[in-house]
C-alpha atoms as a PDB file:
ATOM      1  CA  UNK A   1      -0.096  -0.090   0.110  1.00  0.00           C
ATOM      2  CA  UNK A   2       3.033   2.428   0.783  1.00  0.00           C
ATOM      3  CA  UNK A   3       4.301   1.819  -2.657  1.00  0.00           C
ATOM      4  CA  UNK A   4       0.917   2.419  -4.620  1.00  0.00           C
ATOM      5  CA  UNK A   5       0.491   5.765  -2.490  1.00  0.00           C
ATOM      6  CA  UNK A   6       3.974   6.599  -3.534  1.00  0.00           C
ATOM      7  CA  UNK A   7       3.655   5.766  -7.241  1.00  0.00           C
ATOM      8  CA  UNK A   8       0.185   8.159  -7.078  1.00  0.00           C
ATOM      9  CA  UNK A   9       1.970  10.867  -5.345  1.00  0.00           C
ATOM     10  CA  UNK A  10       3.241  12.974  -8.684  1.00  0.00           C
ATOM     11  CA  UNK A  11      -0.451  12.546 -10.322  1.00  0.00           C
ATOM     12  CA  UNK A  12      -1.992  15.799  -9.360  1.00  0.00           C
ATOM     13  CA  UNK A  13       0.984  17.885 -10.248  1.00  0.00           C
ATOM     14  CA  UNK A  14       0.492  16.274 -13.560  1.00  0.00           C
ATOM     15  CA  UNK A  15      -3.005  17.104 -13.916  1.00  0.00           C
ATOM     16  CA  UNK A  16      -2.552  20.516 -13.027  1.00  0.00           C
ATOM     17  CA  UNK A  17       0.094  21.071 -15.602  1.00  0.00           C
ATOM     18  CA  UNK A  18      -1.976  19.899 -17.881  1.00  0.00           C
ATOM     19  CA  UNK A  19      -4.915  21.811 -16.970  1.00  0.00           C
ATOM     20  CA  UNK A  20      -2.742  24.697 -16.878  1.00  0.00           C
ATOM     21  CA  UNK A  21      -1.323  24.059 -20.597  1.00  0.00           C
ATOM     22  CA  UNK A  22      -5.066  23.877 -21.688  1.00  0.00           C
ATOM     23  CA  UNK A  23      -5.945  26.984 -20.096  1.00  0.00           C
ATOM     24  CA  UNK A  24      -3.285  29.147 -21.715  1.00  0.00           C
ATOM     25  CA  UNK A  25      -4.357  31.410 -24.453  1.00  0.00           C
ATOM     26  CA  UNK A  26      -2.971  30.715 -27.980  1.00  0.00           C
ATOM     27  CA  UNK A  27      -1.454  33.125 -29.718  1.00  0.00           C
ATOM     28  CA  UNK A  28      -3.473  34.334 -32.838  1.00  0.00           C
ATOM     29  CA  UNK A  29      -1.844  32.946 -36.324  1.00  0.00           C
ATOM     30  CA  UNK A  30      -0.306  36.035 -38.314  1.00  0.00           C
ATOM     31  CA  UNK A  31      -2.670  36.867 -41.361  1.00  0.00           C
ATOM     32  CA  UNK A  32       0.158  36.176 -43.588  1.00  0.00           C
ATOM     33  CA  UNK A  33      -0.354  32.921 -43.468  1.00  0.00           C
ATOM     34  CA  UNK A  34      -3.362  33.140 -45.239  1.00  0.00           C
ATOM     35  CA  UNK A  35      -1.884  35.350 -47.717  1.00  0.00           C
ATOM     36  CA  UNK A  36       0.837  32.488 -48.031  1.00  0.00           C
ATOM     37  CA  UNK A  37      -2.031  29.525 -48.645  1.00  0.00           C
ATOM     38  CA  UNK A  38      -3.354  31.815 -51.368  1.00  0.00           C
ATOM     39  CA  UNK A  39      -0.355  31.776 -53.029  1.00  0.00           C
ATOM     40  CA  UNK A  40       0.069  27.994 -53.084  1.00  0.00           C
ATOM     41  CA  UNK A  41      -3.641  27.604 -54.358  1.00  0.00           C
ATOM     42  CA  UNK A  42      -3.498  25.937 -57.896  1.00  0.00           C
ATOM     43  CA  UNK A  43      -6.965  27.532 -58.547  1.00  0.00           C
ATOM     44  CA  UNK A  44      -7.186  31.300 -59.013  1.00  0.00           C
ATOM     45  CA  UNK A  45      -8.030  33.728 -55.934  1.00  0.00           C
ATOM     46  CA  UNK A  46     -10.798  36.323 -56.487  1.00  0.00           C
ATOM     47  CA  UNK A  47      -8.616  39.745 -56.482  1.00  0.00           C
ATOM     48  CA  UNK A  48     -11.226  41.080 -53.795  1.00  0.00           C
ATOM     49  CA  UNK A  49     -10.027  38.201 -51.602  1.00  0.00           C
ATOM     50  CA  UNK A  50      -6.322  38.725 -52.367  1.00  0.00           C
ATOM     51  CA  UNK A  51      -6.629  42.326 -51.857  1.00  0.00           C
ATOM     52  CA  UNK A  52      -8.546  42.069 -48.578  1.00  0.00           C
ATOM     53  CA  UNK A  53      -6.132  39.309 -47.189  1.00  0.00           C
ATOM     54  CA  UNK A  54      -2.894  41.616 -48.491  1.00  0.00           C
ATOM     55  CA  UNK A  55      -4.191  44.881 -46.557  1.00  0.00           C
ATOM     56  CA  UNK A  56      -4.516  42.687 -43.252  1.00  0.00           C
ATOM     57  CA  UNK A  57      -1.873  41.418 -43.423  1.00  0.00           C
ATOM     58  CA  UNK A  58       0.526  44.401 -44.261  1.00  0.00           C
ATOM     59  CA  UNK A  59      -1.498  46.768 -41.673  1.00  0.00           C
ATOM     60  CA  UNK A  60      -0.333  44.057 -39.192  1.00  0.00           C
ATOM     61  CA  UNK A  61       3.340  44.050 -40.345  1.00  0.00           C
ATOM     62  CA  UNK A  62       3.687  47.450 -40.780  1.00  0.00           C
ATOM     63  CA  UNK A  63       1.646  48.372 -37.710  1.00  0.00           C
ATOM     64  CA  UNK A  64      -0.492  50.977 -38.949  1.00  0.00           C
ATOM     65  CA  UNK A  65      -4.538  50.762 -39.802  1.00  0.00           C
ATOM     66  CA  UNK A  66      -5.720  49.108 -42.898  1.00  0.00           C
ATOM     67  CA  UNK A  67      -7.686  52.144 -43.796  1.00  0.00           C
ATOM     68  CA  UNK A  68      -3.983  54.038 -44.238  1.00  0.00           C
ATOM     69  CA  UNK A  69      -2.673  51.648 -46.950  1.00  0.00           C
ATOM     70  CA  UNK A  70      -6.067  51.801 -48.829  1.00  0.00           C
ATOM     71  CA  UNK A  71      -5.936  55.424 -49.271  1.00  0.00           C
ATOM     72  CA  UNK A  72      -4.418  56.868 -52.638  1.00  0.00           C
ATOM     73  CA  UNK A  73      -0.831  56.055 -52.399  1.00  0.00           C
ATOM     74  CA  UNK A  74      -0.888  55.266 -48.699  1.00  0.00           C
ATOM     75  CA  UNK A  75       0.249  51.786 -49.099  1.00  0.00           C
ATOM     76  CA  UNK A  76       3.784  52.801 -50.712  1.00  0.00           C
ATOM     77  CA  UNK A  77       4.098  55.850 -48.159  1.00  0.00           C
ATOM     78  CA  UNK A  78       3.317  53.496 -44.825  1.00  0.00           C
ATOM     79  CA  UNK A  79       5.953  50.795 -46.338  1.00  0.00           C
ATOM     80  CA  UNK A  80       8.856  53.427 -47.350  1.00  0.00           C
ATOM     81  CA  UNK A  81       8.333  55.214 -43.845  1.00  0.00           C
ATOM     82  CA  UNK A  82       8.919  51.553 -42.030  1.00  0.00           C
ATOM     83  CA  UNK A  83      12.267  51.514 -44.381  1.00  0.00           C
ATOM     84  CA  UNK A  84      11.280  49.505 -47.365  1.00  0.00           C
ATOM     85  CA  UNK A  85      12.834  50.456 -50.725  1.00  0.00           C
ATOM     86  CA  UNK A  86      11.097  52.732 -53.293  1.00  0.00           C
ATOM     87  CA  UNK A  87      11.041  49.985 -55.712  1.00  0.00           C
ATOM     88  CA  UNK A  88       9.238  47.447 -53.513  1.00  0.00           C
ATOM     89  CA  UNK A  89       7.049  50.283 -51.675  1.00  0.00           C
ATOM     90  CA  UNK A  90       5.755  51.192 -55.123  1.00  0.00           C
ATOM     91  CA  UNK A  91       5.671  47.596 -56.628  1.00  0.00           C
ATOM     92  CA  UNK A  92       3.054  46.866 -53.905  1.00  0.00           C
ATOM     93  CA  UNK A  93       1.174  49.841 -54.240  1.00  0.00           C
ATOM     94  CA  UNK A  94       0.678  49.255 -57.647  1.00  0.00           C
ATOM     95  CA  UNK A  95      -0.542  45.635 -56.947  1.00  0.00           C
ATOM     96  CA  UNK A  96      -2.915  46.737 -54.916  1.00  0.00           C
ATOM     97  CA  UNK A  97      -4.481  49.293 -57.356  1.00  0.00           C
ATOM     98  CA  UNK A  98      -5.028  46.360 -59.852  1.00  0.00           C
ATOM     99  CA  UNK A  99      -6.727  44.637 -57.067  1.00  0.00           C
ATOM    100  CA  UNK A 100      -8.816  47.470 -56.301  1.00  0.00           C
ATOM    101  CA  UNK A 101      -9.781  47.757 -60.067  1.00  0.00           C
ATOM    102  CA  UNK A 102     -10.274  44.161 -60.181  1.00  0.00           C
ATOM    103  CA  UNK A 103     -12.294  44.082 -57.220  1.00  0.00           C
ATOM    104  CA  UNK A 104     -14.792  46.763 -58.557  1.00  0.00           C
ATOM    105  CA  UNK A 105     -15.122  44.793 -61.343  1.00  0.00           C
ATOM    106  CA  UNK A 106     -17.184  41.925 -60.258  1.00  0.00           C
ATOM    107  CA  UNK A 107     -16.962  39.560 -57.120  1.00  0.00           C
ATOM    108  CA  UNK A 108     -15.186  36.767 -58.981  1.00  0.00           C
ATOM    109  CA  UNK A 109     -12.946  38.898 -60.980  1.00  0.00           C
ATOM    110  CA  UNK A 110      -9.161  37.977 -60.784  1.00  0.00           C
ATOM    111  CA  UNK A 111      -5.621  39.303 -61.313  1.00  0.00           C
ATOM    112  CA  UNK A 112      -2.733  37.684 -63.270  1.00  0.00           C
ATOM    113  CA  UNK A 113      -0.746  35.611 -60.373  1.00  0.00           C
ATOM    114  CA  UNK A 114      -2.294  38.243 -57.778  1.00  0.00           C
ATOM    115  CA  UNK A 115      -1.915  35.928 -54.859  1.00  0.00           C
ATOM    116  CA  UNK A 116       1.609  34.779 -56.305  1.00  0.00           C
ATOM    117  CA  UNK A 117       2.687  38.432 -56.526  1.00  0.00           C
ATOM    118  CA  UNK A 118       1.099  39.476 -53.190  1.00  0.00           C
ATOM    119  CA  UNK A 119       2.807  36.636 -51.079  1.00  0.00           C
ATOM    120  CA  UNK A 120       6.375  37.658 -53.242  1.00  0.00           C
ATOM    121  CA  UNK A 121       5.782  41.299 -52.139  1.00  0.00           C
ATOM    122  CA  UNK A 122       4.534  40.698 -48.468  1.00  0.00           C
ATOM    123  CA  UNK A 123       7.903  38.604 -47.967  1.00  0.00           C
ATOM    124  CA  UNK A 124       9.893  41.428 -49.490  1.00  0.00           C
ATOM    125  CA  UNK A 125       8.521  43.784 -47.498  1.00  0.00           C
ATOM    126  CA  UNK A 126       8.904  41.857 -44.505  1.00  0.00           C
ATOM    127  CA  UNK A 127      12.198  41.317 -45.052  1.00  0.00           C
ATOM    128  CA  UNK A 128      12.929  44.873 -45.514  1.00  0.00           C
ATOM    129  CA  UNK A 129      11.315  46.499 -43.041  1.00  0.00           C
ATOM    130  CA  UNK A 130      12.189  47.439 -39.547  1.00  0.00           C
ATOM    131  CA  UNK A 131      11.555  45.103 -36.721  1.00  0.00           C
ATOM    132  CA  UNK A 132       7.507  44.619 -35.339  1.00  0.00           C
ATOM    133  CA  UNK A 133       8.647  45.762 -32.153  1.00  0.00           C
ATOM    134  CA  UNK A 134      10.518  48.817 -33.506  1.00  0.00           C
ATOM    135  CA  UNK A 135       7.619  49.747 -35.607  1.00  0.00           C
ATOM    136  CA  UNK A 136       5.258  49.739 -32.389  1.00  0.00           C
ATOM    137  CA  UNK A 137       7.964  51.600 -30.005  1.00  0.00           C
ATOM    138  CA  UNK A 138       8.006  54.328 -32.988  1.00  0.00           C
ATOM    139  CA  UNK A 139       4.176  54.607 -32.921  1.00  0.00           C
ATOM    140  CA  UNK A 140       3.752  54.690 -29.224  1.00  0.00           C
ATOM    141  CA  UNK A 141       6.287  57.412 -29.036  1.00  0.00           C
ATOM    142  CA  UNK A 142       4.262  59.166 -31.939  1.00  0.00           C
ATOM    143  CA  UNK A 143       1.129  59.245 -29.753  1.00  0.00           C
ATOM    144  CA  UNK A 144       3.120  60.835 -26.817  1.00  0.00           C
ATOM    145  CA  UNK A 145       4.741  63.616 -28.883  1.00  0.00           C
ATOM    146  CA  UNK A 146       1.260  64.626 -30.492  1.00  0.00           C
ATOM    147  CA  UNK A 147      -0.487  64.567 -26.813  1.00  0.00           C
ATOM    148  CA  UNK A 148       2.677  66.848 -25.565  1.00  0.00           C
ATOM    149  CA  UNK A 149       2.330  68.760 -27.795  1.00  0.00           C
ATOM    150  CA  UNK A 150      -1.522  69.419 -27.792  1.00  0.00           C
ATOM    151  CA  UNK A 151      -0.839  69.805 -24.120  1.00  0.00           C
ATOM    152  CA  UNK A 152       2.106  72.608 -24.434  1.00  0.00           C
ATOM    153  CA  UNK A 153      -0.469  74.362 -26.912  1.00  0.00           C
ATOM    154  CA  UNK A 154      -3.046  74.325 -24.452  1.00  0.00           C
ATOM    155  CA  UNK A 155      -0.888  75.530 -21.844  1.00  0.00           C
ATOM    156  CA  UNK A 156       0.499  78.231 -24.174  1.00  0.00           C
ATOM    157  CA  UNK A 157      -3.092  79.058 -25.266  1.00  0.00           C
ATOM    158  CA  UNK A 158      -4.320  79.592 -21.176  1.00  0.00           C
ATOM    159  CA  UNK A 159      -1.409  81.396 -20.064  1.00  0.00           C
ATOM    160  CA  UNK A 160      -2.180  83.337 -23.136  1.00  0.00           C
ATOM    161  CA  UNK A 161      -5.570  84.452 -22.075  1.00  0.00           C
ATOM    162  CA  UNK A 162      -4.431  84.830 -18.581  1.00  0.00           C
ATOM    163  CA  UNK A 163      -2.208  87.180 -19.466  1.00  0.00           C
ATOM    164  CA  UNK A 164      -4.854  89.232 -21.466  1.00  0.00           C
ATOM    165  CA  UNK A 165      -7.374  89.254 -18.770  1.00  0.00           C
ATOM    166  CA  UNK A 166      -4.778  90.636 -16.276  1.00  0.00           C
ATOM    167  CA  UNK A 167      -4.079  93.737 -18.477  1.00  0.00           C
ATOM    168  CA  UNK A 168      -7.510  93.927 -19.153  1.00  0.00           C
ATOM    169  CA  UNK A 169      -8.123  94.414 -15.317  1.00  0.00           C
ATOM    170  CA  UNK A 170      -5.061  96.643 -14.769  1.00  0.00           C
ATOM    171  CA  UNK A 171      -6.660  98.841 -17.543  1.00  0.00           C
ATOM    172  CA  UNK A 172      -9.995  98.752 -15.544  1.00  0.00           C
ATOM    173  CA  UNK A 173      -8.283  99.880 -12.178  1.00  0.00           C
ATOM    174  CA  UNK A 174      -6.679 102.846 -13.827  1.00  0.00           C
ATOM    175  CA  UNK A 175      -9.313 103.696 -15.793  1.00  0.00           C
ATOM    176  CA  UNK A 176     -11.891 103.666 -12.455  1.00  0.00           C
ATOM    177  CA  UNK A 177      -8.806 105.174 -10.279  1.00  0.00           C
ATOM    178  CA  UNK A 178      -9.100 108.456 -13.064  1.00  0.00           C
ATOM    179  CA  UNK A 179     -13.159 108.276 -13.135  1.00  0.00           C
ATOM    180  CA  UNK A 180     -13.287 106.845 -16.554  1.00  0.00           C
ATOM    181  CA  UNK A 181     -16.079 104.693 -15.441  1.00  0.00           C
ATOM    182  CA  UNK A 182     -16.808 103.664 -19.015  1.00  0.00           C
ATOM    183  CA  UNK A 183     -13.493 102.583 -19.992  1.00  0.00           C
ATOM    184  CA  UNK A 184     -13.424 100.562 -16.689  1.00  0.00           C
ATOM    185  CA  UNK A 185     -16.412  98.777 -17.347  1.00  0.00           C
ATOM    186  CA  UNK A 186     -15.251  97.838 -20.508  1.00  0.00           C
ATOM    187  CA  UNK A 187     -12.035  96.698 -19.438  1.00  0.00           C
ATOM    188  CA  UNK A 188     -13.511  94.558 -16.397  1.00  0.00           C
ATOM    189  CA  UNK A 189     -15.951  93.116 -18.295  1.00  0.00           C
ATOM    190  CA  UNK A 190     -13.101  92.100 -21.099  1.00  0.00           C
ATOM    191  CA  UNK A 191     -11.075  90.843 -18.477  1.00  0.00           C
ATOM    192  CA  UNK A 192     -13.945  88.687 -16.760  1.00  0.00           C
ATOM    193  CA  UNK A 193     -15.107  87.194 -20.226  1.00  0.00           C
ATOM    194  CA  UNK A 194     -11.657  85.945 -20.674  1.00  0.00           C
ATOM    195  CA  UNK A 195     -11.697  84.396 -17.650  1.00  0.00           C
ATOM    196  CA  UNK A 196     -14.845  83.791 -16.515  1.00  0.00           C
ATOM    197  CA  UNK A 197     -14.605  82.174 -12.920  1.00  0.00           C
ATOM    198  CA  UNK A 198     -12.420  85.616 -11.615  1.00  0.00           C
ATOM    199  CA  UNK A 199     -14.728  87.171  -9.275  1.00  0.00           C
ATOM    200  CA  UNK A 200     -12.791  90.389  -8.796  1.00  0.00           C
ATOM    201  CA  UNK A 201     -13.494  91.287 -12.530  1.00  0.00           C
ATOM    202  CA  UNK A 202     -17.246  90.676 -12.109  1.00  0.00           C
ATOM    203  CA  UNK A 203     -17.439  92.569  -9.226  1.00  0.00           C
ATOM    204  CA  UNK A 204     -15.426  95.722 -10.147  1.00  0.00           C
ATOM    205  CA  UNK A 205     -17.210  95.288 -13.908  1.00  0.00           C
ATOM    206  CA  UNK A 206     -20.587  95.406 -11.672  1.00  0.00           C
ATOM    207  CA  UNK A 207     -19.208  98.672  -9.342  1.00  0.00           C
ATOM    208  CA  UNK A 208     -17.983 100.327 -12.983  1.00  0.00           C
ATOM    209  CA  UNK A 209     -21.311  99.773 -14.507  1.00  0.00           C
END
């Protein structure tokens, strides 16, 4: 009985390892695999299907939105920004244009060797472009830069408004002391309009009026 219990001891640990593996999330397969599968088919693939798969695969590889690639010349620009040579970027953009024309011509319209050309160009772009990690990091820093510039611009605008309010307030005080009450009311009103939460400006505006 002792040896039987000793033999069964590792079983709970093994069960936990198996169930743990079952719960682990499988990493999503890259869309480029679908493009490769299309290129290996012996039958012609509809242009609309090749176009859709190519755009999704390149959007994933270049870390951009699909809409960016489908804009006029967007694929060439995105590829060049990622480090791809002009010749490959322009060839890929031209192929996408062919696929667009064929796709709008009908659901089953095809482009000669469309899937094979799409897969070849994807591999060339994949080989020339910067790494995925590098492109993701660049996109993150670009987002931070845009946010920083926006905040800086907002801060500058607020600082300008506050300076204008202070200038009008000081002008209103000077006008009030000189007995020019209409001018004082106008300046205090401008100060209050610039900074609506300034109680002194509103109070002095009411007094001068």
